[in-house]
Amino acid sequence: MADDGWEYSTEGDLDPDLTEEAGYAYWDPPTRRFWTPTVLRIVAAVVIALLVGGVVLAAIT
């Protein structure tokens, strides 16, 4: 591979100068609500039940 004049970093986005310039040096991801996974599971179960119920009902009639 030819030298194209760039110096590549092995640190990636962990370079403090780069994160300060980008504006996300002190950014933390939002906290997850404790009930979110439970609600998603309930919604998924209801959707699956409706789909399977529709197929079974169509097969019976």
PDB file of N, CA and C in Angstrom:
ATOM      1  N   MET A   1       0.845  -1.171   0.000  1.00  0.00           N
ATOM      2  CA  MET A   1       0.000   0.000   0.000  1.00  0.00           C
ATOM      3  C   MET A   1       0.892   1.237   0.000  1.00  0.00           C
ATOM      4  N   ALA A   2       0.584   2.189  -0.801  1.00  0.00           N
ATOM      5  CA  ALA A   2       1.418   3.379  -0.948  1.00  0.00           C
ATOM      6  C   ALA A   2       1.178   4.358   0.193  1.00  0.00           C
ATOM      7  N   ASP A   3       2.203   5.113   0.515  1.00  0.00           N
ATOM      8  CA  ASP A   3       2.087   6.147   1.539  1.00  0.00           C
ATOM      9  C   ASP A   3       1.354   7.331   0.925  1.00  0.00           C
ATOM     10  N   ASP A   4       0.154   7.594   1.407  1.00  0.00           N
ATOM     11  CA  ASP A   4      -0.648   8.672   0.834  1.00  0.00           C
ATOM     12  C   ASP A   4      -0.576   9.966   1.639  1.00  0.00           C
ATOM     13  N   GLY A   5       0.368  10.064   2.565  1.00  0.00           N
ATOM     14  CA  GLY A   5       0.540  11.291   3.332  1.00  0.00           C
ATOM     15  C   GLY A   5      -0.265  11.357   4.618  1.00  0.00           C
ATOM     16  N   TRP A   6      -1.099  10.359   4.859  1.00  0.00           N
ATOM     17  CA  TRP A   6      -1.904  10.359   6.072  1.00  0.00           C
ATOM     18  C   TRP A   6      -1.191   9.580   7.166  1.00  0.00           C
ATOM     19  N   GLU A   7      -1.380  10.035   8.404  1.00  0.00           N
ATOM     20  CA  GLU A   7      -0.909   9.274   9.553  1.00  0.00           C
ATOM     21  C   GLU A   7      -2.139   8.684  10.228  1.00  0.00           C
ATOM     22  N   TYR A   8      -2.210   7.372  10.266  1.00  0.00           N
ATOM     23  CA  TYR A   8      -3.393   6.717  10.805  1.00  0.00           C
ATOM     24  C   TYR A   8      -3.226   6.472  12.296  1.00  0.00           C
ATOM     25  N   SER A   9      -4.283   6.766  13.044  1.00  0.00           N
ATOM     26  CA  SER A   9      -4.277   6.586  14.488  1.00  0.00           C
ATOM     27  C   SER A   9      -4.709   5.170  14.839  1.00  0.00           C
ATOM     28  N   THR A  10      -4.083   4.609  15.861  1.00  0.00           N
ATOM     29  CA  THR A  10      -4.515   3.304  16.354  1.00  0.00           C
ATOM     30  C   THR A  10      -5.518   3.463  17.491  1.00  0.00           C
ATOM     31  N   GLU A  11      -5.770   4.703  17.916  1.00  0.00           N
ATOM     32  CA  GLU A  11      -6.673   4.951  19.035  1.00  0.00           C
ATOM     33  C   GLU A  11      -8.115   5.143  18.588  1.00  0.00           C
ATOM     34  N   GLY A  12      -8.343   5.434  17.346  1.00  0.00           N
ATOM     35  CA  GLY A  12      -9.704   5.652  16.866  1.00  0.00           C
ATOM     36  C   GLY A  12     -10.325   6.880  17.497  1.00  0.00           C
ATOM     37  N   ASP A  13     -11.578   6.756  17.930  1.00  0.00           N
ATOM     38  CA  ASP A  13     -12.307   7.886  18.504  1.00  0.00           C
ATOM     39  C   ASP A  13     -11.947   8.153  19.956  1.00  0.00           C
ATOM     40  N   LEU A  14     -10.989   7.428  20.509  1.00  0.00           N
ATOM     41  CA  LEU A  14     -10.620   7.630  21.905  1.00  0.00           C
ATOM     42  C   LEU A  14      -9.641   8.780  22.090  1.00  0.00           C
ATOM     43  N   ASP A  15      -9.190   9.368  21.001  1.00  0.00           N
ATOM     44  CA  ASP A  15      -8.274  10.498  21.083  1.00  0.00           C
ATOM     45  C   ASP A  15      -9.025  11.686  21.686  1.00  0.00           C
ATOM     46  N   PRO A  16      -8.594  12.213  22.852  1.00  0.00           N
ATOM     47  CA  PRO A  16      -9.336  13.279  23.517  1.00  0.00           C
ATOM     48  C   PRO A  16      -9.476  14.539  22.670  1.00  0.00           C
ATOM     49  N   ASP A  17      -8.476  14.850  21.868  1.00  0.00           N
ATOM     50  CA  ASP A  17      -8.583  16.044  21.034  1.00  0.00           C
ATOM     51  C   ASP A  17      -9.704  15.895  20.012  1.00  0.00           C
ATOM     52  N   LEU A  18      -9.828  14.726  19.444  1.00  0.00           N
ATOM     53  CA  LEU A  18     -10.875  14.509  18.446  1.00  0.00           C
ATOM     54  C   LEU A  18     -12.260  14.538  19.071  1.00  0.00           C
ATOM     55  N   THR A  19     -12.421  13.947  20.258  1.00  0.00           N
ATOM     56  CA  THR A  19     -13.740  13.925  20.875  1.00  0.00           C
ATOM     57  C   THR A  19     -14.161  15.311  21.333  1.00  0.00           C
ATOM     58  N   GLU A  20     -13.226  16.140  21.783  1.00  0.00           N
ATOM     59  CA  GLU A  20     -13.577  17.502  22.174  1.00  0.00           C
ATOM     60  C   GLU A  20     -14.008  18.319  20.967  1.00  0.00           C
ATOM     61  N   GLU A  21     -13.307  18.154  19.848  1.00  0.00           N
ATOM     62  CA  GLU A  21     -13.677  18.895  18.650  1.00  0.00           C
ATOM     63  C   GLU A  21     -15.030  18.448  18.120  1.00  0.00           C
ATOM     64  N   ALA A  22     -15.327  17.181  18.245  1.00  0.00           N
ATOM     65  CA  ALA A  22     -16.587  16.663  17.727  1.00  0.00           C
ATOM     66  C   ALA A  22     -17.760  17.033  18.627  1.00  0.00           C
ATOM     67  N   GLY A  23     -17.513  17.385  19.867  1.00  0.00           N
ATOM     68  CA  GLY A  23     -18.585  17.813  20.756  1.00  0.00           C
ATOM     69  C   GLY A  23     -19.226  16.712  21.567  1.00  0.00           C
ATOM     70  N   TYR A  24     -18.686  15.506  21.558  1.00  0.00           N
ATOM     71  CA  TYR A  24     -19.286  14.447  22.365  1.00  0.00           C
ATOM     72  C   TYR A  24     -18.321  13.883  23.391  1.00  0.00           C
ATOM     73  N   ALA A  25     -17.407  14.702  23.859  1.00  0.00           N
ATOM     74  CA  ALA A  25     -16.441  14.233  24.851  1.00  0.00           C
ATOM     75  C   ALA A  25     -17.116  13.877  26.171  1.00  0.00           C
ATOM     76  N   TYR A  26     -18.142  14.634  26.543  1.00  0.00           N
ATOM     77  CA  TYR A  26     -18.784  14.418  27.839  1.00  0.00           C
ATOM     78  C   TYR A  26     -20.185  13.845  27.678  1.00  0.00           C
ATOM     79  N   TRP A  27     -20.465  13.229  26.545  1.00  0.00           N
ATOM     80  CA  TRP A  27     -21.785  12.671  26.274  1.00  0.00           C
ATOM     81  C   TRP A  27     -21.899  11.285  26.876  1.00  0.00           C
ATOM     82  N   ASP A  28     -23.002  11.042  27.542  1.00  0.00           N
ATOM     83  CA  ASP A  28     -23.311   9.716  28.064  1.00  0.00           C
ATOM     84  C   ASP A  28     -24.582   9.223  27.393  1.00  0.00           C
ATOM     85  N   PRO A  29     -24.673   7.947  27.104  1.00  0.00           N
ATOM     86  CA  PRO A  29     -25.903   7.440  26.496  1.00  0.00           C
ATOM     87  C   PRO A  29     -27.068   7.565  27.472  1.00  0.00           C
ATOM     88  N   PRO A  30     -28.277   7.731  26.959  1.00  0.00           N
ATOM     89  CA  PRO A  30     -29.424   7.853  27.859  1.00  0.00           C
ATOM     90  C   PRO A  30     -29.651   6.554  28.630  1.00  0.00           C
ATOM     91  N   THR A  31     -30.150   6.697  29.830  1.00  0.00           N
ATOM     92  CA  THR A  31     -30.417   5.517  30.649  1.00  0.00           C
ATOM     93  C   THR A  31     -31.665   4.812  30.130  1.00  0.00           C
ATOM     94  N   ARG A  32     -31.650   3.498  30.196  1.00  0.00           N
ATOM     95  CA  ARG A  32     -32.806   2.728  29.752  1.00  0.00           C
ATOM     96  C   ARG A  32     -33.797   2.610  30.892  1.00  0.00           C
ATOM     97  N   ARG A  33     -35.051   2.694  30.542  1.00  0.00           N
ATOM     98  CA  ARG A  33     -36.081   2.492  31.553  1.00  0.00           C
ATOM     99  C   ARG A  33     -36.162   0.999  31.862  1.00  0.00           C
ATOM    100  N   PHE A  34     -36.443   0.694  33.110  1.00  0.00           N
ATOM    101  CA  PHE A  34     -36.435  -0.707  33.529  1.00  0.00           C
ATOM    102  C   PHE A  34     -37.570  -1.501  32.893  1.00  0.00           C
ATOM    103  N   TRP A  35     -38.660  -0.837  32.498  1.00  0.00           N
ATOM    104  CA  TRP A  35     -39.817  -1.557  31.985  1.00  0.00           C
ATOM    105  C   TRP A  35     -39.810  -1.695  30.465  1.00  0.00           C
ATOM    106  N   THR A  36     -38.890  -1.068  29.778  1.00  0.00           N
ATOM    107  CA  THR A  36     -38.876  -1.108  28.315  1.00  0.00           C
ATOM    108  C   THR A  36     -38.748  -2.530  27.758  1.00  0.00           C
ATOM    109  N   PRO A  37     -37.804  -3.363  28.222  1.00  0.00           N
ATOM    110  CA  PRO A  37     -37.724  -4.729  27.672  1.00  0.00           C
ATOM    111  C   PRO A  37     -38.992  -5.545  27.926  1.00  0.00           C
ATOM    112  N   THR A  38     -39.625  -5.330  29.068  1.00  0.00           N
ATOM    113  CA  THR A  38     -40.845  -6.068  29.386  1.00  0.00           C
ATOM    114  C   THR A  38     -41.972  -5.680  28.441  1.00  0.00           C
ATOM    115  N   VAL A  39     -42.124  -4.388  28.190  1.00  0.00           N
ATOM    116  CA  VAL A  39     -43.174  -3.918  27.281  1.00  0.00           C
ATOM    117  C   VAL A  39     -42.929  -4.451  25.874  1.00  0.00           C
ATOM    118  N   LEU A  40     -41.681  -4.450  25.426  1.00  0.00           N
ATOM    119  CA  LEU A  40     -41.374  -4.961  24.092  1.00  0.00           C
ATOM    120  C   LEU A  40     -41.703  -6.448  23.982  1.00  0.00           C
ATOM    121  N   ARG A  41     -41.425  -7.204  25.017  1.00  0.00           N
ATOM    122  CA  ARG A  41     -41.741  -8.635  24.994  1.00  0.00           C
ATOM    123  C   ARG A  41     -43.247  -8.871  24.963  1.00  0.00           C
ATOM    124  N   ILE A  42     -43.987  -8.080  25.733  1.00  0.00           N
ATOM    125  CA  ILE A  42     -45.448  -8.226  25.750  1.00  0.00           C
ATOM    126  C   ILE A  42     -46.032  -7.884  24.385  1.00  0.00           C
ATOM    127  N   VAL A  43     -45.572  -6.799  23.787  1.00  0.00           N
ATOM    128  CA  VAL A  43     -46.064  -6.396  22.464  1.00  0.00           C
ATOM    129  C   VAL A  43     -45.722  -7.461  21.425  1.00  0.00           C
ATOM    130  N   ALA A  44     -44.523  -7.999  21.479  1.00  0.00           N
ATOM    131  CA  ALA A  44     -44.134  -9.048  20.532  1.00  0.00           C
ATOM    132  C   ALA A  44     -45.011 -10.284  20.710  1.00  0.00           C
ATOM    133  N   ALA A  45     -45.300 -10.663  21.944  1.00  0.00           N
ATOM    134  CA  ALA A  45     -46.142 -11.833  22.196  1.00  0.00           C
ATOM    135  C   ALA A  45     -47.560 -11.612  21.680  1.00  0.00           C
ATOM    136  N   VAL A  46     -48.095 -10.412  21.856  1.00  0.00           N
ATOM    137  CA  VAL A  46     -49.445 -10.110  21.368  1.00  0.00           C
ATOM    138  C   VAL A  46     -49.486 -10.155  19.844  1.00  0.00           C
ATOM    139  N   VAL A  47     -48.484  -9.590  19.196  1.00  0.00           N
ATOM    140  CA  VAL A  47     -48.441  -9.602  17.727  1.00  0.00           C
ATOM    141  C   VAL A  47     -48.342 -11.033  17.206  1.00  0.00           C
ATOM    142  N   ILE A  48     -47.494 -11.838  17.814  1.00  0.00           N
ATOM    143  CA  ILE A  48     -47.366 -13.240  17.392  1.00  0.00           C
ATOM    144  C   ILE A  48     -48.678 -13.986  17.617  1.00  0.00           C
ATOM    145  N   ALA A  49     -49.336 -13.745  18.745  1.00  0.00           N
ATOM    146  CA  ALA A  49     -50.610 -14.409  19.031  1.00  0.00           C
ATOM    147  C   ALA A  49     -51.670 -14.012  18.007  1.00  0.00           C
ATOM    148  N   LEU A  50     -51.708 -12.748  17.627  1.00  0.00           N
ATOM    149  CA  LEU A  50     -52.675 -12.309  16.620  1.00  0.00           C
ATOM    150  C   LEU A  50     -52.395 -12.947  15.262  1.00  0.00           C
ATOM    151  N   LEU A  51     -51.134 -13.019  14.886  1.00  0.00           N
ATOM    152  CA  LEU A  51     -50.790 -13.626  13.600  1.00  0.00           C
ATOM    153  C   LEU A  51     -51.116 -15.115  13.579  1.00  0.00           C
ATOM    154  N   VAL A  52     -50.711 -15.819  14.615  1.00  0.00           N
ATOM    155  CA  VAL A  52     -50.979 -17.257  14.685  1.00  0.00           C
ATOM    156  C   VAL A  52     -52.482 -17.501  14.800  1.00  0.00           C
ATOM    157  N   GLY A  53     -53.164 -16.687  15.592  1.00  0.00           N
ATOM    158  CA  GLY A  53     -54.616 -16.830  15.728  1.00  0.00           C
ATOM    159  C   GLY A  53     -55.333 -16.613  14.409  1.00  0.00           C
ATOM    160  N   GLY A  54     -54.880 -15.650  13.631  1.00  0.00           N
ATOM    161  CA  GLY A  54     -55.490 -15.410  12.321  1.00  0.00           C
ATOM    162  C   GLY A  54     -55.290 -16.572  11.375  1.00  0.00           C
ATOM    163  N   VAL A  55     -54.106 -17.161  11.395  1.00  0.00           N
ATOM    164  CA  VAL A  55     -53.833 -18.319  10.533  1.00  0.00           C
ATOM    165  C   VAL A  55     -54.671 -19.515  10.977  1.00  0.00           C
ATOM    166  N   VAL A  56     -54.753 -19.755  12.275  1.00  0.00           N
ATOM    167  CA  VAL A  56     -55.547 -20.878  12.790  1.00  0.00           C
ATOM    168  C   VAL A  56     -57.022 -20.667  12.476  1.00  0.00           C
ATOM    169  N   LEU A  57     -57.528 -19.469  12.665  1.00  0.00           N
ATOM    170  CA  LEU A  57     -58.930 -19.171  12.380  1.00  0.00           C
ATOM    171  C   LEU A  57     -59.237 -19.357  10.895  1.00  0.00           C
ATOM    172  N   ALA A  58     -58.321 -18.938  10.039  1.00  0.00           N
ATOM    173  CA  ALA A  58     -58.517 -19.118   8.599  1.00  0.00           C
ATOM    174  C   ALA A  58     -58.481 -20.594   8.228  1.00  0.00           C
ATOM    175  N   ALA A  59     -57.667 -21.378   8.905  1.00  0.00           N
ATOM    176  CA  ALA A  59     -57.578 -22.806   8.604  1.00  0.00           C
ATOM    177  C   ALA A  59     -58.829 -23.551   9.064  1.00  0.00           C
ATOM    178  N   ILE A  60     -59.421 -23.112  10.155  1.00  0.00           N
ATOM    179  CA  ILE A  60     -60.611 -23.779  10.696  1.00  0.00           C
ATOM    180  C   ILE A  60     -61.834 -23.503   9.822  1.00  0.00           C
ATOM    181  N   THR A  61     -61.980 -22.272   9.373  1.00  0.00           N
ATOM    182  CA  THR A  61     -63.189 -21.907   8.616  1.00  0.00           C
ATOM    183  C   THR A  61     -63.093 -22.190   7.175  1.00  0.00           C
TER     184      THR A  61
END
